C-alpha cells in the first residue's frame, strides 16, 4: 500500500492534481477484481498513470469473504478528512479482524465527513480488517 500511495503522491507532485478527479471508484489491482460493496470495474487508465512512478501490486491477499476486495481508489469532491477538503481515499482489506492498517491518515469510515481513526483501522468485515486511507495533496 505504501508504494501505491507513494505513486499517487509522486503523480500529484509532478502534475499538481489528483490522478483521477471524476467522482467514483477505480480498481488498482489487475489479477484480483475489486469490490466496494459492488464490483468496481474501471481503473486501467488510472493504473497506467500511476505505474509511471512506482510498481503497484497486482493483487492483495485473498479477502474474498469481505465486502471489500482489491485496492480501490475513490474520488469524491465533497469529501473532508478532519474538516479539510481531502477528496481521495484508498480502500483495501487485510486478512484477519482487528489489525492495524500501519499507515497514516487511517479514517473512521463513512463516505464524506471523515475523521482520524482512533483504533488504527477503519473497521471489520466478515473476518477482515478494512482500511480506508485519506490521501492528501501536498501544498493543500
N, C-alpha and C. Protein backbone atom coordinates (compact mmCIF):
# COMPACT_ATOMS: atom_id res chain seq x y z
N UNK A 1 0.82 -1.19 0.00
CA UNK A 1 0.00 0.00 0.00
C UNK A 1 0.86 1.25 0.00
N UNK A 2 2.01 1.18 0.68
CA UNK A 2 2.89 2.34 0.69
C UNK A 2 3.32 2.72 -0.73
N UNK A 3 3.61 1.73 -1.57
CA UNK A 3 4.02 2.01 -2.95
C UNK A 3 2.88 2.67 -3.73
N UNK A 4 1.66 2.22 -3.52
CA UNK A 4 0.50 2.80 -4.19
C UNK A 4 0.32 4.26 -3.78
N UNK A 5 0.39 4.52 -2.49
CA UNK A 5 0.25 5.89 -2.00
C UNK A 5 1.41 6.75 -2.47
N UNK A 6 2.61 6.19 -2.47
CA UNK A 6 3.78 6.92 -2.96
C UNK A 6 3.59 7.31 -4.43
N UNK A 7 3.08 6.40 -5.24
CA UNK A 7 2.85 6.70 -6.66
C UNK A 7 1.83 7.83 -6.82
N UNK A 8 0.79 7.81 -6.01
CA UNK A 8 -0.22 8.89 -6.07
C UNK A 8 0.42 10.22 -5.69
N UNK A 9 1.20 10.23 -4.62
CA UNK A 9 1.86 11.47 -4.20
C UNK A 9 2.84 11.97 -5.26
N UNK A 10 3.56 11.07 -5.90
CA UNK A 10 4.50 11.48 -6.95
C UNK A 10 3.76 12.06 -8.15
N UNK A 11 2.65 11.46 -8.50
CA UNK A 11 1.83 11.99 -9.59
C UNK A 11 1.36 13.41 -9.25
N UNK A 12 0.86 13.58 -8.03
CA UNK A 12 0.38 14.89 -7.60
C UNK A 12 1.51 15.91 -7.61
N UNK A 13 2.69 15.51 -7.12
CA UNK A 13 3.82 16.42 -7.08
C UNK A 13 4.21 16.88 -8.48
N UNK A 14 4.13 15.99 -9.47
CA UNK A 14 4.51 16.34 -10.83
C UNK A 14 3.43 17.15 -11.54
N UNK A 15 2.18 16.82 -11.34
CA UNK A 15 1.10 17.45 -12.12
C UNK A 15 0.33 18.53 -11.36
N UNK A 16 0.39 18.50 -10.01
CA UNK A 16 -0.37 19.45 -9.22
C UNK A 16 -1.83 19.09 -9.05
N UNK A 17 -2.21 17.88 -9.45
CA UNK A 17 -3.61 17.46 -9.33
C UNK A 17 -3.68 15.98 -8.99
N UNK A 18 -4.86 15.57 -8.54
CA UNK A 18 -5.08 14.15 -8.29
C UNK A 18 -5.13 13.40 -9.62
N UNK A 19 -4.72 12.13 -9.65
CA UNK A 19 -4.68 11.39 -10.92
C UNK A 19 -6.05 11.07 -11.52
N UNK A 20 -7.09 11.06 -10.74
CA UNK A 20 -8.45 10.86 -11.26
C UNK A 20 -9.37 11.76 -10.44
N UNK A 21 -10.15 12.59 -11.13
CA UNK A 21 -10.98 13.56 -10.41
C UNK A 21 -12.46 13.46 -10.76
N UNK A 22 -12.84 12.37 -11.42
CA UNK A 22 -14.26 12.15 -11.63
C UNK A 22 -14.79 11.39 -10.42
N UNK A 23 -15.92 11.84 -9.87
CA UNK A 23 -16.47 11.17 -8.70
C UNK A 23 -16.70 9.69 -9.02
N UNK A 24 -16.12 8.83 -8.20
CA UNK A 24 -16.32 7.40 -8.39
C UNK A 24 -15.11 6.60 -7.97
N UNK A 25 -15.17 5.30 -8.21
CA UNK A 25 -14.15 4.36 -7.78
C UNK A 25 -13.41 3.77 -8.96
N UNK A 26 -12.14 3.43 -8.71
CA UNK A 26 -11.27 2.82 -9.71
C UNK A 26 -10.52 1.66 -9.07
N UNK A 27 -10.48 0.53 -9.72
CA UNK A 27 -9.77 -0.64 -9.22
C UNK A 27 -8.29 -0.53 -9.62
N UNK A 28 -7.38 -0.65 -8.64
CA UNK A 28 -5.96 -0.56 -8.93
C UNK A 28 -5.27 -1.91 -9.01
N UNK A 29 -5.96 -3.00 -8.70
CA UNK A 29 -5.38 -4.33 -8.85
C UNK A 29 -5.81 -4.93 -10.18
N UNK A 30 -4.95 -5.77 -10.77
CA UNK A 30 -5.26 -6.33 -12.09
C UNK A 30 -5.59 -7.82 -12.04
N UNK A 31 -4.85 -8.58 -11.25
CA UNK A 31 -5.11 -10.02 -11.16
C UNK A 31 -6.37 -10.26 -10.34
N UNK A 32 -6.61 -9.39 -9.40
CA UNK A 32 -7.73 -9.51 -8.49
C UNK A 32 -8.77 -8.44 -8.81
N UNK A 33 -9.99 -8.85 -8.93
CA UNK A 33 -11.07 -7.89 -9.15
C UNK A 33 -11.28 -7.07 -7.88
N UNK A 34 -11.92 -5.93 -8.02
CA UNK A 34 -12.20 -5.07 -6.87
C UNK A 34 -13.70 -5.01 -6.61
N UNK A 35 -14.02 -4.84 -5.35
CA UNK A 35 -15.41 -4.59 -4.97
C UNK A 35 -15.41 -3.69 -3.75
N UNK A 36 -16.35 -2.81 -3.73
CA UNK A 36 -16.58 -1.94 -2.59
C UNK A 36 -18.07 -1.99 -2.34
N UNK A 37 -18.49 -3.14 -1.87
CA UNK A 37 -19.91 -3.43 -1.73
C UNK A 37 -20.46 -3.97 -3.04
N UNK A 38 -20.14 -3.30 -4.15
CA UNK A 38 -20.49 -3.74 -5.50
C UNK A 38 -19.20 -3.77 -6.33
N UNK A 39 -19.18 -4.49 -7.44
CA UNK A 39 -17.95 -4.56 -8.24
C UNK A 39 -17.49 -3.18 -8.74
N UNK A 40 -16.17 -3.01 -8.74
CA UNK A 40 -15.53 -1.80 -9.27
C UNK A 40 -14.76 -2.25 -10.51
N UNK A 41 -15.16 -1.79 -11.65
CA UNK A 41 -14.58 -2.32 -12.89
C UNK A 41 -13.57 -1.40 -13.55
N UNK A 42 -13.70 -0.08 -13.40
CA UNK A 42 -12.76 0.82 -14.08
C UNK A 42 -11.46 0.90 -13.29
N UNK A 43 -10.40 1.32 -13.95
CA UNK A 43 -9.15 1.52 -13.24
C UNK A 43 -7.90 1.38 -14.07
N UNK A 44 -7.98 0.78 -15.27
CA UNK A 44 -6.77 0.53 -16.04
C UNK A 44 -6.08 1.84 -16.45
N UNK A 45 -6.83 2.87 -16.79
CA UNK A 45 -6.23 4.15 -17.18
C UNK A 45 -5.50 4.79 -15.99
N UNK A 46 -6.13 4.75 -14.83
CA UNK A 46 -5.51 5.29 -13.62
C UNK A 46 -4.27 4.49 -13.26
N UNK A 47 -4.35 3.18 -13.32
CA UNK A 47 -3.21 2.34 -13.01
C UNK A 47 -2.04 2.66 -13.95
N UNK A 48 -2.30 2.87 -15.22
CA UNK A 48 -1.25 3.22 -16.18
C UNK A 48 -0.58 4.53 -15.78
N UNK A 49 -1.36 5.51 -15.38
CA UNK A 49 -0.80 6.79 -14.93
C UNK A 49 0.14 6.60 -13.74
N UNK A 50 -0.27 5.76 -12.79
CA UNK A 50 0.49 5.61 -11.55
C UNK A 50 1.72 4.73 -11.69
N UNK A 51 1.69 3.75 -12.59
CA UNK A 51 2.86 2.86 -12.72
C UNK A 51 4.05 3.57 -13.34
N UNK A 52 3.86 4.76 -13.83
CA UNK A 52 5.00 5.58 -14.28
C UNK A 52 5.89 5.92 -13.08
N UNK A 53 5.32 5.99 -11.89
CA UNK A 53 6.02 6.44 -10.70
C UNK A 53 6.45 5.31 -9.78
N UNK A 54 5.75 4.20 -9.81
CA UNK A 54 6.08 3.08 -8.92
C UNK A 54 5.29 1.85 -9.38
N UNK A 55 5.83 0.68 -9.11
CA UNK A 55 5.06 -0.53 -9.42
C UNK A 55 3.94 -0.66 -8.39
N UNK A 56 2.79 -1.12 -8.86
CA UNK A 56 1.64 -1.32 -7.99
C UNK A 56 1.38 -2.81 -7.86
N UNK A 57 0.87 -3.24 -6.72
CA UNK A 57 0.56 -4.67 -6.58
C UNK A 57 -0.56 -5.09 -7.53
N UNK A 58 -0.44 -6.29 -8.10
CA UNK A 58 -1.48 -6.82 -8.97
C UNK A 58 -2.66 -7.37 -8.17
N UNK A 59 -2.39 -7.73 -6.92
CA UNK A 59 -3.44 -8.26 -6.05
C UNK A 59 -3.01 -8.06 -4.60
N UNK A 60 -3.92 -8.30 -3.70
CA UNK A 60 -3.61 -8.32 -2.27
C UNK A 60 -4.05 -9.69 -1.76
N UNK A 61 -3.61 -10.08 -0.54
CA UNK A 61 -4.04 -11.39 -0.04
C UNK A 61 -5.55 -11.54 -0.10
N UNK A 62 -6.00 -12.75 -0.34
CA UNK A 62 -7.42 -13.04 -0.55
C UNK A 62 -8.25 -12.64 0.65
N UNK A 63 -9.16 -11.74 0.42
CA UNK A 63 -10.13 -11.32 1.44
C UNK A 63 -11.53 -11.48 0.87
N UNK A 64 -11.72 -12.52 0.07
CA UNK A 64 -12.97 -12.68 -0.67
C UNK A 64 -14.20 -12.85 0.23
N UNK A 65 -13.98 -13.14 1.51
CA UNK A 65 -15.14 -13.22 2.41
C UNK A 65 -15.65 -11.82 2.78
N UNK A 66 -14.84 -10.80 2.53
CA UNK A 66 -15.21 -9.43 2.88
C UNK A 66 -15.99 -8.77 1.76
N UNK A 67 -16.68 -7.70 2.09
CA UNK A 67 -17.39 -6.90 1.10
C UNK A 67 -16.42 -6.08 0.26
N UNK A 68 -15.22 -5.84 0.82
CA UNK A 68 -14.21 -5.01 0.18
C UNK A 68 -13.07 -5.89 -0.33
N UNK A 69 -12.78 -5.81 -1.63
CA UNK A 69 -11.76 -6.67 -2.26
C UNK A 69 -10.89 -5.80 -3.14
N UNK A 70 -9.60 -6.11 -3.19
CA UNK A 70 -8.67 -5.38 -4.05
C UNK A 70 -8.28 -4.05 -3.45
N UNK A 71 -7.64 -3.20 -4.26
CA UNK A 71 -7.27 -1.85 -3.86
C UNK A 71 -8.14 -0.90 -4.68
N UNK A 72 -8.92 -0.11 -3.99
CA UNK A 72 -9.86 0.80 -4.64
C UNK A 72 -9.45 2.25 -4.37
N UNK A 73 -9.33 3.02 -5.45
CA UNK A 73 -9.12 4.47 -5.39
C UNK A 73 -10.49 5.11 -5.55
N UNK A 74 -10.84 6.02 -4.65
CA UNK A 74 -12.15 6.68 -4.75
C UNK A 74 -11.98 8.18 -4.62
N UNK A 75 -12.61 8.91 -5.54
CA UNK A 75 -12.60 10.36 -5.53
C UNK A 75 -14.02 10.86 -5.31
N UNK A 76 -14.18 11.80 -4.38
CA UNK A 76 -15.46 12.47 -4.17
C UNK A 76 -15.14 13.92 -3.81
N UNK A 77 -15.47 14.85 -4.67
CA UNK A 77 -15.08 16.25 -4.49
C UNK A 77 -15.62 16.85 -3.20
N UNK A 78 -16.65 16.26 -2.60
CA UNK A 78 -17.25 16.80 -1.38
C UNK A 78 -16.67 16.21 -0.09
N UNK A 79 -15.72 15.30 -0.20
CA UNK A 79 -15.20 14.60 0.98
C UNK A 79 -14.25 15.49 1.79
N UNK A 80 -14.37 15.37 3.12
CA UNK A 80 -13.42 16.03 4.02
C UNK A 80 -12.79 14.97 4.93
N UNK A 81 -11.61 15.30 5.42
CA UNK A 81 -10.92 14.47 6.41
C UNK A 81 -10.41 15.43 7.47
N UNK A 82 -10.87 15.24 8.70
CA UNK A 82 -10.54 16.16 9.80
C UNK A 82 -10.85 17.61 9.40
N UNK A 83 -12.00 17.81 8.81
CA UNK A 83 -12.60 19.07 8.38
C UNK A 83 -11.92 19.74 7.18
N UNK A 84 -10.86 19.16 6.64
CA UNK A 84 -10.19 19.72 5.46
C UNK A 84 -10.63 18.98 4.21
N UNK A 85 -10.69 19.67 3.10
CA UNK A 85 -11.06 19.03 1.83
C UNK A 85 -10.00 18.01 1.44
N UNK A 86 -10.37 16.76 1.41
CA UNK A 86 -9.49 15.65 1.04
C UNK A 86 -10.32 14.67 0.22
N UNK A 87 -10.44 14.88 -1.09
CA UNK A 87 -11.40 14.11 -1.89
C UNK A 87 -11.00 12.67 -2.20
N UNK A 88 -9.76 12.26 -1.94
CA UNK A 88 -9.33 10.92 -2.35
C UNK A 88 -9.10 10.02 -1.14
N UNK A 89 -9.61 8.79 -1.26
CA UNK A 89 -9.30 7.73 -0.30
C UNK A 89 -8.86 6.50 -1.07
N UNK A 90 -8.06 5.68 -0.41
CA UNK A 90 -7.69 4.35 -0.89
C UNK A 90 -8.30 3.36 0.09
N UNK A 91 -8.96 2.35 -0.42
CA UNK A 91 -9.64 1.36 0.42
C UNK A 91 -9.09 -0.02 0.12
N UNK A 92 -8.80 -0.80 1.14
CA UNK A 92 -8.35 -2.18 0.97
C UNK A 92 -8.67 -2.95 2.25
N UNK A 93 -8.56 -4.26 2.18
CA UNK A 93 -8.84 -5.11 3.34
C UNK A 93 -7.60 -5.95 3.66
N UNK A 94 -7.44 -6.27 4.93
CA UNK A 94 -6.38 -7.16 5.40
C UNK A 94 -7.01 -8.44 5.92
N UNK A 95 -6.32 -9.56 5.75
CA UNK A 95 -6.81 -10.81 6.32
C UNK A 95 -6.80 -10.73 7.84
N UNK A 96 -7.88 -11.16 8.45
CA UNK A 96 -7.99 -11.17 9.91
C UNK A 96 -8.60 -9.89 10.44
N UNK A 97 -9.38 -10.03 11.47
CA UNK A 97 -10.06 -8.89 12.08
C UNK A 97 -9.14 -8.15 13.04
N UNK A 98 -9.46 -6.89 13.29
CA UNK A 98 -8.83 -6.06 14.32
C UNK A 98 -7.34 -5.83 14.14
N UNK A 99 -6.87 -5.78 12.90
CA UNK A 99 -5.47 -5.47 12.65
C UNK A 99 -5.31 -3.96 12.53
N UNK A 100 -4.09 -3.48 12.68
CA UNK A 100 -3.79 -2.07 12.44
C UNK A 100 -3.39 -1.92 10.98
N UNK A 101 -3.84 -0.85 10.35
CA UNK A 101 -3.56 -0.62 8.93
C UNK A 101 -2.10 -0.22 8.68
N UNK A 102 -1.39 0.23 9.71
CA UNK A 102 0.05 0.53 9.65
C UNK A 102 0.39 1.69 8.72
N UNK A 103 -0.56 2.55 8.40
CA UNK A 103 -0.31 3.73 7.58
C UNK A 103 -0.88 4.95 8.28
N UNK A 104 -0.43 6.13 7.86
CA UNK A 104 -1.00 7.35 8.42
C UNK A 104 -2.29 7.69 7.68
N UNK A 105 -3.07 8.56 8.27
CA UNK A 105 -4.33 9.04 7.71
C UNK A 105 -5.40 7.95 7.56
N UNK A 106 -5.41 7.00 8.50
CA UNK A 106 -6.47 5.99 8.54
C UNK A 106 -7.74 6.70 9.00
N UNK A 107 -8.83 6.47 8.28
CA UNK A 107 -10.08 7.16 8.60
C UNK A 107 -10.99 6.29 9.46
N UNK A 108 -12.01 6.93 9.98
CA UNK A 108 -13.01 6.23 10.79
C UNK A 108 -14.12 5.62 9.95
N UNK A 109 -14.06 5.78 8.63
CA UNK A 109 -15.07 5.22 7.75
C UNK A 109 -16.10 6.25 7.34
N UNK A 110 -17.05 5.80 6.59
CA UNK A 110 -18.03 6.71 6.05
C UNK A 110 -17.63 7.12 4.64
N UNK A 111 -18.35 8.08 4.08
CA UNK A 111 -18.08 8.49 2.71
C UNK A 111 -17.62 9.93 2.58
N UNK A 112 -18.18 10.85 3.35
CA UNK A 112 -17.90 12.27 3.09
C UNK A 112 -17.15 12.97 4.20
N UNK A 113 -17.65 12.97 5.40
CA UNK A 113 -17.04 13.72 6.50
C UNK A 113 -16.27 12.76 7.40
N UNK A 114 -15.02 12.52 7.02
CA UNK A 114 -14.20 11.53 7.72
C UNK A 114 -13.35 12.18 8.80
N UNK A 115 -12.95 11.38 9.77
CA UNK A 115 -12.00 11.83 10.78
C UNK A 115 -11.01 10.71 11.04
N UNK A 116 -9.97 11.02 11.80
CA UNK A 116 -8.92 10.04 12.08
C UNK A 116 -9.46 8.88 12.90
N UNK A 117 -9.01 7.70 12.56
CA UNK A 117 -9.37 6.51 13.33
C UNK A 117 -8.58 6.51 14.63
N UNK A 118 -9.22 6.16 15.72
CA UNK A 118 -8.52 6.05 17.00
C UNK A 118 -7.99 4.64 17.22
N UNK A 119 -8.43 3.68 16.41
CA UNK A 119 -8.02 2.28 16.58
C UNK A 119 -6.91 1.85 15.62
N UNK A 120 -6.56 2.70 14.65
CA UNK A 120 -5.56 2.32 13.65
C UNK A 120 -6.14 1.49 12.52
N UNK A 121 -7.46 1.35 12.48
CA UNK A 121 -8.16 0.65 11.40
C UNK A 121 -9.50 1.34 11.20
N UNK A 122 -10.10 1.07 10.05
CA UNK A 122 -11.40 1.68 9.78
C UNK A 122 -12.53 0.82 10.33
N UNK A 123 -12.39 -0.50 10.22
CA UNK A 123 -13.43 -1.38 10.73
C UNK A 123 -13.14 -2.82 10.40
N UNK A 124 -14.13 -3.68 10.59
CA UNK A 124 -14.03 -5.10 10.31
C UNK A 124 -15.18 -5.51 9.40
N UNK A 125 -14.93 -6.54 8.59
CA UNK A 125 -15.96 -7.02 7.68
C UNK A 125 -15.74 -8.51 7.44
N UNK A 126 -16.62 -9.34 7.95
CA UNK A 126 -16.56 -10.80 7.74
C UNK A 126 -15.17 -11.38 7.98
N UNK A 127 -14.55 -11.01 9.09
CA UNK A 127 -13.25 -11.56 9.46
C UNK A 127 -12.06 -10.84 8.86
N UNK A 128 -12.28 -9.78 8.10
CA UNK A 128 -11.19 -8.99 7.52
C UNK A 128 -11.18 -7.61 8.17
N UNK A 129 -10.01 -6.97 8.16
CA UNK A 129 -9.87 -5.60 8.63
C UNK A 129 -10.00 -4.67 7.44
N UNK A 130 -10.82 -3.66 7.55
CA UNK A 130 -11.00 -2.67 6.49
C UNK A 130 -10.13 -1.45 6.79
N UNK A 131 -9.38 -1.03 5.77
CA UNK A 131 -8.53 0.16 5.88
C UNK A 131 -8.97 1.16 4.83
N UNK A 132 -9.32 2.35 5.28
CA UNK A 132 -9.64 3.46 4.38
C UNK A 132 -8.64 4.56 4.72
N UNK A 133 -7.81 4.91 3.75
CA UNK A 133 -6.72 5.86 3.95
C UNK A 133 -7.02 7.14 3.18
N UNK A 134 -6.96 8.27 3.86
CA UNK A 134 -7.16 9.56 3.20
C UNK A 134 -5.84 9.96 2.54
N UNK A 135 -5.93 10.41 1.28
CA UNK A 135 -4.75 10.83 0.54
C UNK A 135 -4.74 12.35 0.47
N UNK A 136 -3.66 12.94 0.95
CA UNK A 136 -3.55 14.39 0.93
C UNK A 136 -2.91 14.85 -0.37
N UNK A 137 -3.15 16.08 -0.70
CA UNK A 137 -2.48 16.69 -1.84
C UNK A 137 -1.45 17.66 -1.29
N UNK A 138 -0.16 17.43 -1.53
CA UNK A 138 0.87 18.32 -0.96
C UNK A 138 0.56 19.78 -1.30
N UNK A 139 0.79 20.64 -0.33
CA UNK A 139 0.57 22.06 -0.52
C UNK A 139 -0.85 22.50 -0.21
N UNK A 140 -1.72 21.56 0.14
CA UNK A 140 -3.11 21.91 0.45
C UNK A 140 -3.41 21.58 1.90
